[in-house]
Amino acid sequence: MENSSVAKIAANPKYQRLIKTRSRFGWLLTAIMMIVYYGYIAIIAFDKELLAARMGDGVMTVGIPIGFGVIVFTIIITGIYVRRANSEFDALTAEVIKESLK
């Protein structure tokens, strides 16, 4: 790509908005995921008895469904990012490309 094309894209307000919005959203989801994951790890480290408590008369402990919930939460948060990327971010990218080809 030529330097003039790069400069033209970088100067585009829609590109600036895309970069700002995508970065902010990505960091927000990263922070949320880290809180959930490291919160689970902190509970394991500091309150093992809580997660080791048995549920009913069986062998399942409280930690198993909570750990499964962390995995499911990861899938959900990834789906949220993909959905927004496929709609809003891809549309902005297409507009930037269209305007840069003029």
N, C-alpha and C. Protein backbone atom coordinates (compact mmCIF):
# COMPACT_ATOMS: atom_id res chain seq x y z
N MET A 1 0.85 -1.17 0.00
CA MET A 1 0.00 0.00 0.00
C MET A 1 0.89 1.24 0.00
N GLU A 2 0.50 2.21 -0.75
CA GLU A 2 1.28 3.44 -0.83
C GLU A 2 1.14 4.26 0.45
N ASN A 3 2.14 5.09 0.70
CA ASN A 3 2.10 5.94 1.90
C ASN A 3 0.94 6.91 1.86
N SER A 4 0.59 7.39 0.66
CA SER A 4 -0.54 8.33 0.56
C SER A 4 -1.85 7.64 0.93
N SER A 5 -2.00 6.38 0.54
CA SER A 5 -3.21 5.63 0.89
C SER A 5 -3.29 5.38 2.39
N VAL A 6 -2.15 5.05 2.98
CA VAL A 6 -2.10 4.82 4.42
C VAL A 6 -2.45 6.10 5.16
N ALA A 7 -1.89 7.21 4.73
CA ALA A 7 -2.17 8.50 5.37
C ALA A 7 -3.63 8.89 5.21
N LYS A 8 -4.19 8.59 4.03
CA LYS A 8 -5.59 8.92 3.77
C LYS A 8 -6.51 8.11 4.69
N ILE A 9 -6.20 6.82 4.86
CA ILE A 9 -7.01 5.97 5.74
C ILE A 9 -6.85 6.41 7.19
N ALA A 10 -5.62 6.66 7.61
CA ALA A 10 -5.36 7.06 8.99
C ALA A 10 -6.03 8.38 9.35
N ALA A 11 -6.19 9.27 8.36
CA ALA A 11 -6.81 10.57 8.61
C ALA A 11 -8.34 10.50 8.59
N ASN A 12 -8.90 9.41 8.12
CA ASN A 12 -10.35 9.26 8.01
C ASN A 12 -10.97 9.22 9.41
N PRO A 13 -11.95 10.09 9.68
CA PRO A 13 -12.59 10.11 11.00
C PRO A 13 -13.29 8.78 11.35
N LYS A 14 -13.81 8.10 10.34
CA LYS A 14 -14.45 6.81 10.59
C LYS A 14 -13.43 5.77 11.03
N TYR A 15 -12.23 5.84 10.46
CA TYR A 15 -11.16 4.93 10.87
C TYR A 15 -10.75 5.22 12.30
N GLN A 16 -10.62 6.48 12.64
CA GLN A 16 -10.27 6.87 14.01
C GLN A 16 -11.33 6.38 15.00
N ARG A 17 -12.60 6.52 14.62
CA ARG A 17 -13.69 6.05 15.47
C ARG A 17 -13.66 4.53 15.61
N LEU A 18 -13.38 3.84 14.49
CA LEU A 18 -13.28 2.38 14.51
C LEU A 18 -12.19 1.91 15.47
N ILE A 19 -11.02 2.50 15.36
CA ILE A 19 -9.90 2.11 16.21
C ILE A 19 -10.21 2.38 17.68
N LYS A 20 -10.75 3.55 17.96
CA LYS A 20 -11.06 3.93 19.34
C LYS A 20 -12.13 3.02 19.95
N THR A 21 -13.21 2.80 19.20
CA THR A 21 -14.32 2.00 19.69
C THR A 21 -13.92 0.54 19.86
N ARG A 22 -13.23 -0.01 18.87
CA ARG A 22 -12.82 -1.41 18.93
C ARG A 22 -11.84 -1.66 20.08
N SER A 23 -10.90 -0.73 20.25
CA SER A 23 -9.92 -0.88 21.34
C SER A 23 -10.60 -0.80 22.70
N ARG A 24 -11.46 0.18 22.87
CA ARG A 24 -12.14 0.34 24.16
C ARG A 24 -13.00 -0.89 24.48
N PHE A 25 -13.72 -1.38 23.49
CA PHE A 25 -14.57 -2.55 23.69
C PHE A 25 -13.73 -3.80 23.99
N GLY A 26 -12.65 -3.97 23.27
CA GLY A 26 -11.77 -5.10 23.50
C GLY A 26 -11.16 -5.08 24.89
N TRP A 27 -10.71 -3.91 25.33
CA TRP A 27 -10.12 -3.80 26.67
C TRP A 27 -11.18 -4.01 27.75
N LEU A 28 -12.39 -3.54 27.52
CA LEU A 28 -13.48 -3.75 28.48
C LEU A 28 -13.76 -5.25 28.66
N LEU A 29 -13.91 -5.95 27.55
CA LEU A 29 -14.17 -7.38 27.64
C LEU A 29 -12.99 -8.13 28.24
N THR A 30 -11.78 -7.69 27.94
CA THR A 30 -10.59 -8.30 28.54
C THR A 30 -10.59 -8.12 30.05
N ALA A 31 -10.90 -6.92 30.51
CA ALA A 31 -10.94 -6.65 31.95
C ALA A 31 -12.01 -7.50 32.63
N ILE A 32 -13.17 -7.60 32.02
CA ILE A 32 -14.25 -8.40 32.60
C ILE A 32 -13.83 -9.87 32.68
N MET A 33 -13.23 -10.37 31.60
CA MET A 33 -12.79 -11.76 31.59
C MET A 33 -11.72 -12.01 32.64
N MET A 34 -10.79 -11.09 32.79
CA MET A 34 -9.73 -11.25 33.78
C MET A 34 -10.29 -11.24 35.21
N ILE A 35 -11.28 -10.40 35.46
CA ILE A 35 -11.91 -10.35 36.78
C ILE A 35 -12.58 -11.69 37.08
N VAL A 36 -13.31 -12.23 36.11
CA VAL A 36 -13.99 -13.51 36.31
C VAL A 36 -12.97 -14.63 36.52
N TYR A 37 -12.00 -14.72 35.64
CA TYR A 37 -11.02 -15.82 35.72
C TYR A 37 -10.17 -15.72 36.98
N TYR A 38 -9.57 -14.56 37.20
CA TYR A 38 -8.70 -14.43 38.37
C TYR A 38 -9.49 -14.42 39.68
N GLY A 39 -10.76 -14.03 39.62
CA GLY A 39 -11.61 -14.17 40.80
C GLY A 39 -11.80 -15.63 41.16
N TYR A 40 -12.02 -16.46 40.14
CA TYR A 40 -12.16 -17.90 40.37
C TYR A 40 -10.86 -18.49 40.92
N ILE A 41 -9.74 -18.09 40.34
CA ILE A 41 -8.44 -18.58 40.81
C ILE A 41 -8.18 -18.09 42.24
N ALA A 42 -8.57 -16.86 42.56
CA ALA A 42 -8.38 -16.33 43.91
C ALA A 42 -9.21 -17.11 44.93
N ILE A 43 -10.41 -17.49 44.54
CA ILE A 43 -11.24 -18.30 45.44
C ILE A 43 -10.58 -19.65 45.68
N ILE A 44 -10.03 -20.23 44.61
CA ILE A 44 -9.32 -21.51 44.76
C ILE A 44 -8.14 -21.34 45.72
N ALA A 45 -7.42 -20.24 45.57
CA ALA A 45 -6.21 -20.04 46.37
C ALA A 45 -6.53 -19.71 47.83
N PHE A 46 -7.56 -18.92 48.06
CA PHE A 46 -7.78 -18.40 49.41
C PHE A 46 -8.95 -19.01 50.17
N ASP A 47 -9.85 -19.70 49.48
CA ASP A 47 -11.00 -20.29 50.18
C ASP A 47 -11.35 -21.64 49.54
N LYS A 48 -10.44 -22.57 49.65
CA LYS A 48 -10.62 -23.89 49.04
C LYS A 48 -11.85 -24.60 49.57
N GLU A 49 -12.16 -24.37 50.84
CA GLU A 49 -13.31 -25.05 51.45
C GLU A 49 -14.62 -24.66 50.77
N LEU A 50 -14.73 -23.42 50.31
CA LEU A 50 -15.94 -22.97 49.65
C LEU A 50 -16.20 -23.78 48.38
N LEU A 51 -15.17 -23.93 47.56
CA LEU A 51 -15.35 -24.66 46.31
C LEU A 51 -15.32 -26.17 46.51
N ALA A 52 -14.78 -26.63 47.62
CA ALA A 52 -14.72 -28.07 47.90
C ALA A 52 -15.99 -28.59 48.56
N ALA A 53 -16.90 -27.68 48.91
CA ALA A 53 -18.15 -28.11 49.55
C ALA A 53 -18.96 -28.97 48.59
N ARG A 54 -19.43 -30.08 49.09
CA ARG A 54 -20.19 -31.00 48.25
C ARG A 54 -21.61 -30.49 48.03
N MET A 55 -22.12 -30.81 46.87
CA MET A 55 -23.50 -30.46 46.53
C MET A 55 -24.35 -31.73 46.69
N GLY A 56 -25.16 -31.75 47.68
CA GLY A 56 -26.01 -32.92 47.92
C GLY A 56 -25.20 -34.10 48.45
N ASP A 57 -25.69 -35.30 48.14
CA ASP A 57 -25.05 -36.52 48.63
C ASP A 57 -24.02 -37.08 47.66
N GLY A 58 -23.91 -36.50 46.47
CA GLY A 58 -23.00 -37.01 45.45
C GLY A 58 -21.57 -36.56 45.65
N VAL A 59 -20.80 -36.72 44.59
CA VAL A 59 -19.38 -36.35 44.64
C VAL A 59 -19.12 -34.97 44.05
N MET A 60 -20.12 -34.34 43.46
CA MET A 60 -19.91 -33.03 42.84
C MET A 60 -19.74 -31.95 43.90
N THR A 61 -18.74 -31.11 43.67
CA THR A 61 -18.50 -29.99 44.59
C THR A 61 -18.99 -28.70 43.95
N VAL A 62 -19.04 -27.65 44.73
CA VAL A 62 -19.48 -26.34 44.24
C VAL A 62 -18.54 -25.81 43.16
N GLY A 63 -17.27 -26.16 43.24
CA GLY A 63 -16.27 -25.67 42.30
C GLY A 63 -16.48 -26.13 40.87
N ILE A 64 -17.07 -27.30 40.69
CA ILE A 64 -17.26 -27.83 39.33
C ILE A 64 -18.23 -26.98 38.52
N PRO A 65 -19.45 -26.70 39.00
CA PRO A 65 -20.33 -25.85 38.19
C PRO A 65 -19.82 -24.41 38.05
N ILE A 66 -19.11 -23.92 39.06
CA ILE A 66 -18.56 -22.57 38.94
C ILE A 66 -17.46 -22.55 37.89
N GLY A 67 -16.59 -23.56 37.88
CA GLY A 67 -15.56 -23.66 36.85
C GLY A 67 -16.16 -23.81 35.47
N PHE A 68 -17.21 -24.61 35.36
CA PHE A 68 -17.93 -24.74 34.10
C PHE A 68 -18.53 -23.39 33.69
N GLY A 69 -19.03 -22.66 34.66
CA GLY A 69 -19.58 -21.33 34.38
C GLY A 69 -18.54 -20.37 33.83
N VAL A 70 -17.32 -20.46 34.33
CA VAL A 70 -16.23 -19.62 33.81
C VAL A 70 -15.99 -19.94 32.33
N ILE A 71 -15.99 -21.23 31.99
CA ILE A 71 -15.80 -21.64 30.60
C ILE A 71 -16.94 -21.14 29.72
N VAL A 72 -18.17 -21.31 30.18
CA VAL A 72 -19.34 -20.84 29.42
C VAL A 72 -19.30 -19.32 29.28
N PHE A 73 -18.90 -18.63 30.34
CA PHE A 73 -18.79 -17.17 30.28
C PHE A 73 -17.79 -16.75 29.21
N THR A 74 -16.68 -17.49 29.09
CA THR A 74 -15.69 -17.19 28.07
C THR A 74 -16.29 -17.32 26.67
N ILE A 75 -17.07 -18.36 26.45
CA ILE A 75 -17.72 -18.55 25.15
C ILE A 75 -18.71 -17.43 24.88
N ILE A 76 -19.48 -17.05 25.88
CA ILE A 76 -20.48 -15.98 25.72
C ILE A 76 -19.81 -14.65 25.41
N ILE A 77 -18.76 -14.31 26.13
CA ILE A 77 -18.09 -13.03 25.94
C ILE A 77 -17.41 -12.98 24.55
N THR A 78 -16.92 -14.14 24.09
CA THR A 78 -16.36 -14.20 22.74
C THR A 78 -17.46 -13.99 21.71
N GLY A 79 -18.62 -14.58 21.93
CA GLY A 79 -19.75 -14.39 21.02
C GLY A 79 -20.20 -12.94 20.97
N ILE A 80 -20.18 -12.27 22.10
CA ILE A 80 -20.54 -10.85 22.14
C ILE A 80 -19.58 -10.03 21.29
N TYR A 81 -18.29 -10.32 21.42
CA TYR A 81 -17.31 -9.58 20.61
C TYR A 81 -17.48 -9.88 19.12
N VAL A 82 -17.66 -11.15 18.77
CA VAL A 82 -17.80 -11.52 17.37
C VAL A 82 -19.04 -10.89 16.76
N ARG A 83 -20.14 -10.88 17.50
CA ARG A 83 -21.37 -10.28 16.99
C ARG A 83 -21.18 -8.79 16.70
N ARG A 84 -20.55 -8.09 17.63
CA ARG A 84 -20.34 -6.66 17.42
C ARG A 84 -19.32 -6.42 16.30
N ALA A 85 -18.29 -7.26 16.23
CA ALA A 85 -17.28 -7.12 15.18
C ALA A 85 -17.91 -7.35 13.81
N ASN A 86 -18.77 -8.36 13.68
CA ASN A 86 -19.38 -8.68 12.40
C ASN A 86 -20.41 -7.66 11.96
N SER A 87 -20.93 -6.89 12.87
CA SER A 87 -21.92 -5.89 12.48
C SER A 87 -21.29 -4.50 12.43
N GLU A 88 -21.04 -3.93 13.56
CA GLU A 88 -20.58 -2.54 13.64
C GLU A 88 -19.16 -2.36 13.08
N PHE A 89 -18.21 -3.18 13.53
CA PHE A 89 -16.82 -2.97 13.14
C PHE A 89 -16.59 -3.29 11.67
N ASP A 90 -17.21 -4.34 11.16
CA ASP A 90 -17.06 -4.67 9.75
C ASP A 90 -17.70 -3.61 8.86
N ALA A 91 -18.83 -3.06 9.29
CA ALA A 91 -19.48 -2.00 8.51
C ALA A 91 -18.60 -0.76 8.44
N LEU A 92 -18.02 -0.38 9.57
CA LEU A 92 -17.11 0.77 9.57
C LEU A 92 -15.88 0.51 8.71
N THR A 93 -15.35 -0.69 8.77
CA THR A 93 -14.19 -1.05 7.95
C THR A 93 -14.53 -0.94 6.47
N ALA A 94 -15.69 -1.44 6.09
CA ALA A 94 -16.12 -1.36 4.69
C ALA A 94 -16.27 0.09 4.24
N GLU A 95 -16.82 0.94 5.09
CA GLU A 95 -16.96 2.36 4.76
C GLU A 95 -15.60 3.03 4.58
N VAL A 96 -14.66 2.71 5.45
CA VAL A 96 -13.32 3.28 5.35
C VAL A 96 -12.66 2.84 4.05
N ILE A 97 -12.76 1.58 3.73
CA ILE A 97 -12.18 1.07 2.48
C ILE A 97 -12.82 1.74 1.27
N LYS A 98 -14.13 1.84 1.30
CA LYS A 98 -14.86 2.47 0.17
C LYS A 98 -14.42 3.92 -0.01
N GLU A 99 -14.29 4.64 1.09
CA GLU A 99 -13.89 6.04 1.01
C GLU A 99 -12.42 6.19 0.62
N SER A 100 -11.58 5.23 0.97
CA SER A 100 -10.17 5.34 0.62
C SER A 100 -9.91 5.05 -0.84
N LEU A 101 -10.83 4.35 -1.51
CA LEU A 101 -10.65 4.03 -2.92
C LEU A 101 -11.10 5.16 -3.85
N LYS A 102 -11.72 6.16 -3.29
CA LYS A 102 -12.20 7.30 -4.11
C LYS A 102 -11.05 8.16 -4.54
